Amino acid sequence: MLGENHGLVYDFPEFKDKISELKSSDANFNAQAKEYHSLDHEIRGLENNNVPTDDLTFMQLKTRRAQLKDEIYKVLTK
């Protein structure tokens, strides 16, 4: 769905406390969460504002967001 918020606490509400804890205690997790948030914000901005973007660039952004989400999920479920 276009413009949908994929913030970590929306996609992983059951891990809300763990996300908060890891952001403050794990520098690598915090960096991944920041990059994920930045990508999600950029993607939603492009979608919501109908900004002309070539398909390759848009797919690269979405692919990287998906990769980060998978990496973050692995950490959350350890």
C-alpha atoms as a PDB file:
ATOM      1  CA  MET A   1       0.000   0.000   0.000  1.00  0.00           C
ATOM      2  CA  LEU A   2       1.400   3.381  -0.966  1.00  0.00           C
ATOM      3  CA  GLY A   3       2.428   5.709   1.834  1.00  0.00           C
ATOM      4  CA  GLU A   4       2.013   3.086   4.541  1.00  0.00           C
ATOM      5  CA  ASN A   5       4.137   3.652   7.646  1.00  0.00           C
ATOM      6  CA  HIS A   6       6.567   0.763   8.057  1.00  0.00           C
ATOM      7  CA  GLY A   7       8.179   2.071  11.229  1.00  0.00           C
ATOM      8  CA  LEU A   8       9.682  -0.681  13.331  1.00  0.00           C
ATOM      9  CA  VAL A   9       7.200  -0.280  16.186  1.00  0.00           C
ATOM     10  CA  TYR A  10       4.303  -0.502  13.695  1.00  0.00           C
ATOM     11  CA  ASP A  11       5.631  -3.603  11.966  1.00  0.00           C
ATOM     12  CA  PHE A  12       6.922  -5.259  15.140  1.00  0.00           C
ATOM     13  CA  PRO A  13       4.643  -4.023  17.956  1.00  0.00           C
ATOM     14  CA  GLU A  14       5.417  -7.126  20.029  1.00  0.00           C
ATOM     15  CA  PHE A  15       9.074  -6.013  20.147  1.00  0.00           C
ATOM     16  CA  LYS A  16       8.453  -2.364  21.050  1.00  0.00           C
ATOM     17  CA  ASP A  17      10.329  -2.571  24.372  1.00  0.00           C
ATOM     18  CA  LYS A  18      13.172  -4.619  22.911  1.00  0.00           C
ATOM     19  CA  ILE A  19      13.562  -2.144  20.023  1.00  0.00           C
ATOM     20  CA  SER A  20      13.844   0.724  22.485  1.00  0.00           C
ATOM     21  CA  GLU A  21      16.306  -1.191  24.646  1.00  0.00           C
ATOM     22  CA  LEU A  22      18.516  -2.201  21.718  1.00  0.00           C
ATOM     23  CA  LYS A  23      18.564   1.314  20.285  1.00  0.00           C
ATOM     24  CA  SER A  24      20.164   2.533  23.496  1.00  0.00           C
ATOM     25  CA  SER A  25      22.411  -0.458  24.214  1.00  0.00           C
ATOM     26  CA  ASP A  26      23.572  -1.711  20.810  1.00  0.00           C
ATOM     27  CA  ALA A  27      25.310   0.788  18.523  1.00  0.00           C
ATOM     28  CA  ASN A  28      25.003  -1.465  15.450  1.00  0.00           C
ATOM     29  CA  PHE A  29      21.282  -2.011  16.012  1.00  0.00           C
ATOM     30  CA  ASN A  30      20.791   1.714  16.550  1.00  0.00           C
ATOM     31  CA  ALA A  31      22.590   2.502  13.269  1.00  0.00           C
ATOM     32  CA  GLN A  32      20.466  -0.058  11.404  1.00  0.00           C
ATOM     33  CA  ALA A  33      17.263   1.307  12.957  1.00  0.00           C
ATOM     34  CA  LYS A  34      18.214   4.870  11.988  1.00  0.00           C
ATOM     35  CA  GLU A  35      18.986   3.857   8.401  1.00  0.00           C
ATOM     36  CA  TYR A  36      15.719   1.891   8.244  1.00  0.00           C
ATOM     37  CA  HIS A  37      13.747   4.864   9.573  1.00  0.00           C
ATOM     38  CA  SER A  38      15.439   7.211   7.104  1.00  0.00           C
ATOM     39  CA  LEU A  39      14.687   4.924   4.148  1.00  0.00           C
ATOM     40  CA  ASP A  40      11.091   4.423   5.246  1.00  0.00           C
ATOM     41  CA  HIS A  41      10.626   8.178   5.581  1.00  0.00           C
ATOM     42  CA  GLU A  42      12.146   8.780   2.142  1.00  0.00           C
ATOM     43  CA  ILE A  43      10.035   6.085   0.472  1.00  0.00           C
ATOM     44  CA  ARG A  44       6.812   7.344   2.060  1.00  0.00           C
ATOM     45  CA  GLY A  45       7.673  10.902   1.030  1.00  0.00           C
ATOM     46  CA  LEU A  46       8.169   9.836  -2.566  1.00  0.00           C
ATOM     47  CA  GLU A  47       4.916   7.864  -2.560  1.00  0.00           C
ATOM     48  CA  ASN A  48       2.767  10.444  -0.777  1.00  0.00           C
ATOM     49  CA  ASN A  49       4.004  13.405  -2.787  1.00  0.00           C
ATOM     50  CA  ASN A  50       4.030  11.648  -6.165  1.00  0.00           C
ATOM     51  CA  VAL A  51       7.656  12.641  -6.665  1.00  0.00           C
ATOM     52  CA  PRO A  52       8.871  11.445 -10.073  1.00  0.00           C
ATOM     53  CA  THR A  53      11.452   8.743  -9.410  1.00  0.00           C
ATOM     54  CA  ASP A  54      12.845   6.199 -11.798  1.00  0.00           C
ATOM     55  CA  ASP A  55      11.864   2.603 -11.090  1.00  0.00           C
ATOM     56  CA  LEU A  56      15.426   1.421 -10.476  1.00  0.00           C
ATOM     57  CA  THR A  57      16.082   4.004  -7.770  1.00  0.00           C
ATOM     58  CA  PHE A  58      12.736   3.342  -6.107  1.00  0.00           C
ATOM     59  CA  MET A  59      13.285  -0.422  -6.126  1.00  0.00           C
ATOM     60  CA  GLN A  60      16.802  -0.011  -4.712  1.00  0.00           C
ATOM     61  CA  LEU A  61      15.401   2.013  -1.801  1.00  0.00           C
ATOM     62  CA  LYS A  62      12.682  -0.547  -1.118  1.00  0.00           C
ATOM     63  CA  THR A  63      15.094  -3.468  -1.430  1.00  0.00           C
ATOM     64  CA  ARG A  64      17.526  -1.933   1.051  1.00  0.00           C
ATOM     65  CA  ARG A  65      14.660  -1.245   3.469  1.00  0.00           C
ATOM     66  CA  ALA A  66      13.582  -4.896   3.200  1.00  0.00           C
ATOM     67  CA  GLN A  67      17.148  -6.106   3.792  1.00  0.00           C
ATOM     68  CA  LEU A  68      17.454  -3.951   6.893  1.00  0.00           C
ATOM     69  CA  LYS A  69      14.079  -5.124   8.150  1.00  0.00           C
ATOM     70  CA  ASP A  70      15.215  -8.760   7.820  1.00  0.00           C
ATOM     71  CA  GLU A  71      18.474  -8.030   9.660  1.00  0.00           C
ATOM     72  CA  ILE A  72      16.641  -6.165  12.419  1.00  0.00           C
ATOM     73  CA  TYR A  73      14.095  -8.968  12.786  1.00  0.00           C
ATOM     74  CA  LYS A  74      16.895 -11.523  13.197  1.00  0.00           C
ATOM     75  CA  VAL A  75      18.345  -9.471  16.049  1.00  0.00           C
ATOM     76  CA  LEU A  76      14.934  -9.048  17.676  1.00  0.00           C
ATOM     77  CA  THR A  77      14.189 -12.772  17.585  1.00  0.00           C
ATOM     78  CA  LYS A  78      17.558 -13.998  18.896  1.00  0.00           C
END
